Amino acid sequence: MGVLKVIEILANSNKGWEDAARNAVAHASKTVKHIKSVYIQEQSATVTNGEITSYRVNAKITFEIED
């Protein structure tokens, strides 16, 4: 295994925290190659009229740097 790098991404979803995590990885994979893992550091949600309207995650994505 070579050198690994970690980036931090904020993502959201109207469906749930798992979907927000998937969105983070999907968006990062558009420009980042060799993603190895995702670590969900924080979860939060926005509330409107007493109901959750958006789920948010703060994700750390680890990927391998090519030589």
PDB file of N, CA and C in Angstrom:
ATOM      1  N   MET A   1       0.846  -1.172   0.000  1.00  0.00           N
ATOM      2  CA  MET A   1       0.000   0.000   0.000  1.00  0.00           C
ATOM      3  C   MET A   1       0.890   1.233   0.000  1.00  0.00           C
ATOM      4  N   GLY A   2       0.509   2.226  -0.803  1.00  0.00           N
ATOM      5  CA  GLY A   2       1.271   3.464  -0.909  1.00  0.00           C
ATOM      6  C   GLY A   2       0.831   4.484   0.121  1.00  0.00           C
ATOM      7  N   VAL A   3       0.920   5.727  -0.251  1.00  0.00           N
ATOM      8  CA  VAL A   3       0.550   6.833   0.619  1.00  0.00           C
ATOM      9  C   VAL A   3      -0.956   7.072   0.515  1.00  0.00           C
ATOM     10  N   LEU A   4      -1.593   7.291   1.670  1.00  0.00           N
ATOM     11  CA  LEU A   4      -3.023   7.569   1.708  1.00  0.00           C
ATOM     12  C   LEU A   4      -3.254   9.028   2.070  1.00  0.00           C
ATOM     13  N   LYS A   5      -4.315   9.597   1.542  1.00  0.00           N
ATOM     14  CA  LYS A   5      -4.691  10.978   1.834  1.00  0.00           C
ATOM     15  C   LYS A   5      -6.147  10.994   2.283  1.00  0.00           C
ATOM     16  N   VAL A   6      -6.491  11.952   3.127  1.00  0.00           N
ATOM     17  CA  VAL A   6      -7.864  12.088   3.633  1.00  0.00           C
ATOM     18  C   VAL A   6      -8.395  13.470   3.260  1.00  0.00           C
ATOM     19  N   ILE A   7      -9.608  13.488   2.714  1.00  0.00           N
ATOM     20  CA  ILE A   7     -10.303  14.745   2.452  1.00  0.00           C
ATOM     21  C   ILE A   7     -11.608  14.742   3.249  1.00  0.00           C
ATOM     22  N   GLU A   8     -12.102  15.908   3.520  1.00  0.00           N
ATOM     23  CA  GLU A   8     -13.341  16.033   4.282  1.00  0.00           C
ATOM     24  C   GLU A   8     -14.427  16.601   3.371  1.00  0.00           C
ATOM     25  N   ILE A   9     -15.584  15.954   3.393  1.00  0.00           N
ATOM     26  CA  ILE A   9     -16.694  16.352   2.528  1.00  0.00           C
ATOM     27  C   ILE A   9     -17.967  16.464   3.356  1.00  0.00           C
ATOM     28  N   LEU A  10     -18.731  17.498   3.084  1.00  0.00           N
ATOM     29  CA  LEU A  10     -20.050  17.646   3.691  1.00  0.00           C
ATOM     30  C   LEU A  10     -21.078  17.276   2.630  1.00  0.00           C
ATOM     31  N   ALA A  11     -22.011  16.405   2.978  1.00  0.00           N
ATOM     32  CA  ALA A  11     -23.029  15.970   2.015  1.00  0.00           C
ATOM     33  C   ALA A  11     -24.377  15.891   2.698  1.00  0.00           C
ATOM     34  N   ASN A  12     -25.431  15.939   1.884  1.00  0.00           N
ATOM     35  CA  ASN A  12     -26.773  15.849   2.455  1.00  0.00           C
ATOM     36  C   ASN A  12     -27.676  14.980   1.601  1.00  0.00           C
ATOM     37  N   SER A  13     -28.840  14.683   2.171  1.00  0.00           N
ATOM     38  CA  SER A  13     -29.842  13.863   1.497  1.00  0.00           C
ATOM     39  C   SER A  13     -31.197  14.155   2.118  1.00  0.00           C
ATOM     40  N   ASN A  14     -32.232  13.984   1.333  1.00  0.00           N
ATOM     41  CA  ASN A  14     -33.591  14.096   1.862  1.00  0.00           C
ATOM     42  C   ASN A  14     -34.092  12.759   2.391  1.00  0.00           C
ATOM     43  N   LYS A  15     -33.353  11.673   2.118  1.00  0.00           N
ATOM     44  CA  LYS A  15     -33.788  10.317   2.487  1.00  0.00           C
ATOM     45  C   LYS A  15     -33.264   9.849   3.836  1.00  0.00           C
ATOM     46  N   GLY A  16     -31.984  10.131   4.147  1.00  0.00           N
ATOM     47  CA  GLY A  16     -31.418   9.649   5.406  1.00  0.00           C
ATOM     48  C   GLY A  16     -29.909   9.808   5.432  1.00  0.00           C
ATOM     49  N   TRP A  17     -29.308   9.492   6.593  1.00  0.00           N
ATOM     50  CA  TRP A  17     -27.868   9.642   6.758  1.00  0.00           C
ATOM     51  C   TRP A  17     -27.079   8.672   5.877  1.00  0.00           C
ATOM     52  N   GLU A  18     -27.563   7.448   5.724  1.00  0.00           N
ATOM     53  CA  GLU A  18     -26.865   6.493   4.857  1.00  0.00           C
ATOM     54  C   GLU A  18     -26.825   6.998   3.420  1.00  0.00           C
ATOM     55  N   ASP A  19     -27.911   7.561   2.960  1.00  0.00           N
ATOM     56  CA  ASP A  19     -27.954   8.106   1.602  1.00  0.00           C
ATOM     57  C   ASP A  19     -27.026   9.317   1.484  1.00  0.00           C
ATOM     58  N   ALA A  20     -26.944  10.124   2.521  1.00  0.00           N
ATOM     59  CA  ALA A  20     -26.017  11.260   2.513  1.00  0.00           C
ATOM     60  C   ALA A  20     -24.573  10.764   2.418  1.00  0.00           C
ATOM     61  N   ALA A  21     -24.246   9.677   3.114  1.00  0.00           N
ATOM     62  CA  ALA A  21     -22.898   9.102   3.025  1.00  0.00           C
ATOM     63  C   ALA A  21     -22.630   8.586   1.613  1.00  0.00           C
ATOM     64  N   ARG A  22     -23.615   7.928   1.020  1.00  0.00           N
ATOM     65  CA  ARG A  22     -23.467   7.460  -0.368  1.00  0.00           C
ATOM     66  C   ARG A  22     -23.249   8.644  -1.310  1.00  0.00           C
ATOM     67  N   ASN A  23     -23.973   9.722  -1.087  1.00  0.00           N
ATOM     68  CA  ASN A  23     -23.818  10.918  -1.915  1.00  0.00           C
ATOM     69  C   ASN A  23     -22.411  11.493  -1.790  1.00  0.00           C
ATOM     70  N   ALA A  24     -21.850  11.475  -0.588  1.00  0.00           N
ATOM     71  CA  ALA A  24     -20.488  11.977  -0.382  1.00  0.00           C
ATOM     72  C   ALA A  24     -19.483  11.176  -1.188  1.00  0.00           C
ATOM     73  N   VAL A  25     -19.592   9.853  -1.125  1.00  0.00           N
ATOM     74  CA  VAL A  25     -18.667   8.988  -1.866  1.00  0.00           C
ATOM     75  C   VAL A  25     -18.883   9.129  -3.369  1.00  0.00           C
ATOM     76  N   ALA A  26     -20.128   9.165  -3.797  1.00  0.00           N
ATOM     77  CA  ALA A  26     -20.419   9.285  -5.231  1.00  0.00           C
ATOM     78  C   ALA A  26     -19.872  10.595  -5.797  1.00  0.00           C
ATOM     79  N   HIS A  27     -20.045  11.675  -5.055  1.00  0.00           N
ATOM     80  CA  HIS A  27     -19.563  12.965  -5.543  1.00  0.00           C
ATOM     81  C   HIS A  27     -18.036  13.005  -5.570  1.00  0.00           C
ATOM     82  N   ALA A  28     -17.407  12.494  -4.511  1.00  0.00           N
ATOM     83  CA  ALA A  28     -15.938  12.479  -4.452  1.00  0.00           C
ATOM     84  C   ALA A  28     -15.348  11.600  -5.557  1.00  0.00           C
ATOM     85  N   SER A  29     -16.004  10.495  -5.862  1.00  0.00           N
ATOM     86  CA  SER A  29     -15.460   9.554  -6.850  1.00  0.00           C
ATOM     87  C   SER A  29     -15.473  10.118  -8.273  1.00  0.00           C
ATOM     88  N   LYS A  30     -16.157  11.240  -8.481  1.00  0.00           N
ATOM     89  CA  LYS A  30     -16.134  11.879  -9.802  1.00  0.00           C
ATOM     90  C   LYS A  30     -14.753  12.447 -10.119  1.00  0.00           C
ATOM     91  N   THR A  31     -14.012  12.862  -9.089  1.00  0.00           N
ATOM     92  CA  THR A  31     -12.691  13.453  -9.308  1.00  0.00           C
ATOM     93  C   THR A  31     -11.566  12.750  -8.564  1.00  0.00           C
ATOM     94  N   VAL A  32     -11.893  11.905  -7.597  1.00  0.00           N
ATOM     95  CA  VAL A  32     -10.878  11.226  -6.792  1.00  0.00           C
ATOM     96  C   VAL A  32     -10.870   9.737  -7.137  1.00  0.00           C
ATOM     97  N   LYS A  33      -9.693   9.206  -7.425  1.00  0.00           N
ATOM     98  CA  LYS A  33      -9.543   7.782  -7.745  1.00  0.00           C
ATOM     99  C   LYS A  33      -9.040   7.020  -6.515  1.00  0.00           C
ATOM    100  N   HIS A  34      -9.239   5.737  -6.516  1.00  0.00           N
ATOM    101  CA  HIS A  34      -8.693   4.818  -5.504  1.00  0.00           C
ATOM    102  C   HIS A  34      -9.218   5.100  -4.093  1.00  0.00           C
ATOM    103  N   ILE A  35     -10.520   5.404  -3.973  1.00  0.00           N
ATOM    104  CA  ILE A  35     -11.121   5.601  -2.648  1.00  0.00           C
ATOM    105  C   ILE A  35     -11.103   4.278  -1.903  1.00  0.00           C
ATOM    106  N   LYS A  36     -10.607   4.322  -0.670  1.00  0.00           N
ATOM    107  CA  LYS A  36     -10.471   3.103   0.139  1.00  0.00           C
ATOM    108  C   LYS A  36     -11.512   3.011   1.252  1.00  0.00           C
ATOM    109  N   SER A  37     -11.912   4.157   1.821  1.00  0.00           N
ATOM    110  CA  SER A  37     -12.869   4.100   2.931  1.00  0.00           C
ATOM    111  C   SER A  37     -13.526   5.453   3.142  1.00  0.00           C
ATOM    112  N   VAL A  38     -14.615   5.423   3.896  1.00  0.00           N
ATOM    113  CA  VAL A  38     -15.294   6.654   4.308  1.00  0.00           C
ATOM    114  C   VAL A  38     -15.587   6.535   5.807  1.00  0.00           C
ATOM    115  N   TYR A  39     -15.314   7.600   6.527  1.00  0.00           N
ATOM    116  CA  TYR A  39     -15.556   7.667   7.965  1.00  0.00           C
ATOM    117  C   TYR A  39     -16.544   8.805   8.208  1.00  0.00           C
ATOM    118  N   ILE A  40     -17.675   8.485   8.787  1.00  0.00           N
ATOM    119  CA  ILE A  40     -18.680   9.507   9.075  1.00  0.00           C
ATOM    120  C   ILE A  40     -18.358  10.096  10.442  1.00  0.00           C
ATOM    121  N   GLN A  41     -17.903  11.342  10.408  1.00  0.00           N
ATOM    122  CA  GLN A  41     -17.460  12.009  11.627  1.00  0.00           C
ATOM    123  C   GLN A  41     -18.635  12.578  12.410  1.00  0.00           C
ATOM    124  N   GLU A  42     -19.577  13.201  11.712  1.00  0.00           N
ATOM    125  CA  GLU A  42     -20.722  13.825  12.376  1.00  0.00           C
ATOM    126  C   GLU A  42     -21.979  13.628  11.548  1.00  0.00           C
ATOM    127  N   GLN A  43     -23.108  13.632  12.228  1.00  0.00           N
ATOM    128  CA  GLN A  43     -24.410  13.592  11.572  1.00  0.00           C
ATOM    129  C   GLN A  43     -25.253  14.728  12.137  1.00  0.00           C
ATOM    130  N   SER A  44     -26.034  15.354  11.267  1.00  0.00           N
ATOM    131  CA  SER A  44     -26.959  16.388  11.725  1.00  0.00           C
ATOM    132  C   SER A  44     -28.157  16.399  10.791  1.00  0.00           C
ATOM    133  N   ALA A  45     -29.154  17.172  11.148  1.00  0.00           N
ATOM    134  CA  ALA A  45     -30.354  17.253  10.317  1.00  0.00           C
ATOM    135  C   ALA A  45     -30.945  18.650  10.439  1.00  0.00           C
ATOM    136  N   THR A  46     -31.650  19.059   9.387  1.00  0.00           N
ATOM    137  CA  THR A  46     -32.394  20.311   9.452  1.00  0.00           C
ATOM    138  C   THR A  46     -33.858  19.976   9.687  1.00  0.00           C
ATOM    139  N   VAL A  47     -34.522  20.847  10.424  1.00  0.00           N
ATOM    140  CA  VAL A  47     -35.913  20.608  10.807  1.00  0.00           C
ATOM    141  C   VAL A  47     -36.760  21.799  10.374  1.00  0.00           C
ATOM    142  N   THR A  48     -37.898  21.501   9.755  1.00  0.00           N
ATOM    143  CA  THR A  48     -38.860  22.520   9.366  1.00  0.00           C
ATOM    144  C   THR A  48     -40.240  22.082   9.841  1.00  0.00           C
ATOM    145  N   ASN A  49     -40.922  22.959  10.559  1.00  0.00           N
ATOM    146  CA  ASN A  49     -42.268  22.667  11.086  1.00  0.00           C
ATOM    147  C   ASN A  49     -42.323  21.351  11.862  1.00  0.00           C
ATOM    148  N   GLY A  50     -41.287  21.095  12.657  1.00  0.00           N
ATOM    149  CA  GLY A  50     -41.267  19.907  13.503  1.00  0.00           C
ATOM    150  C   GLY A  50     -40.916  18.613  12.803  1.00  0.00           C
ATOM    151  N   GLU A  51     -40.493  18.674  11.536  1.00  0.00           N
ATOM    152  CA  GLU A  51     -40.125  17.454  10.806  1.00  0.00           C
ATOM    153  C   GLU A  51     -38.745  17.602  10.187  1.00  0.00           C
ATOM    154  N   ILE A  52     -38.000  16.497  10.154  1.00  0.00           N
ATOM    155  CA  ILE A  52     -36.683  16.501   9.515  1.00  0.00           C
ATOM    156  C   ILE A  52     -36.864  16.650   8.012  1.00  0.00           C
ATOM    157  N   THR A  53     -36.157  17.622   7.449  1.00  0.00           N
ATOM    158  CA  THR A  53     -36.273  17.871   6.011  1.00  0.00           C
ATOM    159  C   THR A  53     -34.993  17.538   5.248  1.00  0.00           C
ATOM    160  N   SER A  54     -33.867  17.465   5.956  1.00  0.00           N
ATOM    161  CA  SER A  54     -32.610  17.157   5.294  1.00  0.00           C
ATOM    162  C   SER A  54     -31.645  16.527   6.288  1.00  0.00           C
ATOM    163  N   TYR A  55     -30.966  15.462   5.858  1.00  0.00           N
ATOM    164  CA  TYR A  55     -29.975  14.770   6.667  1.00  0.00           C
ATOM    165  C   TYR A  55     -28.594  15.151   6.164  1.00  0.00           C
ATOM    166  N   ARG A  56     -27.662  15.427   7.081  1.00  0.00           N
ATOM    167  CA  ARG A  56     -26.324  15.860   6.700  1.00  0.00           C
ATOM    168  C   ARG A  56     -25.269  14.989   7.360  1.00  0.00           C
ATOM    169  N   VAL A  57     -24.169  14.763   6.643  1.00  0.00           N
ATOM    170  CA  VAL A  57     -23.022  14.057   7.213  1.00  0.00           C
ATOM    171  C   VAL A  57     -21.751  14.840   6.916  1.00  0.00           C
ATOM    172  N   ASN A  58     -20.821  14.734   7.836  1.00  0.00           N
ATOM    173  CA  ASN A  58     -19.467  15.243   7.655  1.00  0.00           C
ATOM    174  C   ASN A  58     -18.619  13.986   7.475  1.00  0.00           C
ATOM    175  N   ALA A  59     -18.161  13.743   6.239  1.00  0.00           N
ATOM    176  CA  ALA A  59     -17.474  12.489   5.910  1.00  0.00           C
ATOM    177  C   ALA A  59     -16.003  12.723   5.626  1.00  0.00           C
ATOM    178  N   LYS A  60     -15.175  11.837   6.140  1.00  0.00           N
ATOM    179  CA  LYS A  60     -13.748  11.835   5.815  1.00  0.00           C
ATOM    180  C   LYS A  60     -13.519  10.675   4.848  1.00  0.00           C
ATOM    181  N   ILE A  61     -13.019  11.007   3.681  1.00  0.00           N
ATOM    182  CA  ILE A  61     -12.817  10.005   2.637  1.00  0.00           C
ATOM    183  C   ILE A  61     -11.318   9.774   2.461  1.00  0.00           C
ATOM    184  N   THR A  62     -10.917   8.510   2.556  1.00  0.00           N
ATOM    185  CA  THR A  62      -9.514   8.134   2.420  1.00  0.00           C
ATOM    186  C   THR A  62      -9.289   7.521   1.054  1.00  0.00           C
ATOM    187  N   PHE A  63      -8.209   7.963   0.397  1.00  0.00           N
ATOM    188  CA  PHE A  63      -7.875   7.407  -0.906  1.00  0.00           C
ATOM    189  C   PHE A  63      -6.362   7.262  -1.040  1.00  0.00           C
ATOM    190  N   GLU A  64      -5.961   6.378  -1.936  1.00  0.00           N
ATOM    191  CA  GLU A  64      -4.541   6.118  -2.169  1.00  0.00           C
ATOM    192  C   GLU A  64      -4.009   7.036  -3.257  1.00  0.00           C
ATOM    193  N   ILE A  65      -2.861   7.607  -3.000  1.00  0.00           N
ATOM    194  CA  ILE A  65      -2.205   8.481  -3.981  1.00  0.00           C
ATOM    195  C   ILE A  65      -1.350   7.616  -4.905  1.00  0.00           C
ATOM    196  N   GLU A  66      -1.498   7.835  -6.211  1.00  0.00           N
ATOM    197  CA  GLU A  66      -0.705   7.082  -7.177  1.00  0.00           C
ATOM    198  C   GLU A  66       0.741   7.537  -7.153  1.00  0.00           C
ATOM    199  N   ASP A  67       1.648   6.598  -7.400  1.00  0.00           N
ATOM    200  CA  ASP A  67       3.076   6.942  -7.489  1.00  0.00           C
ATOM    201  C   ASP A  67       3.408   7.580  -8.812  1.00  0.00           C
TER     202      ASP A  67
END
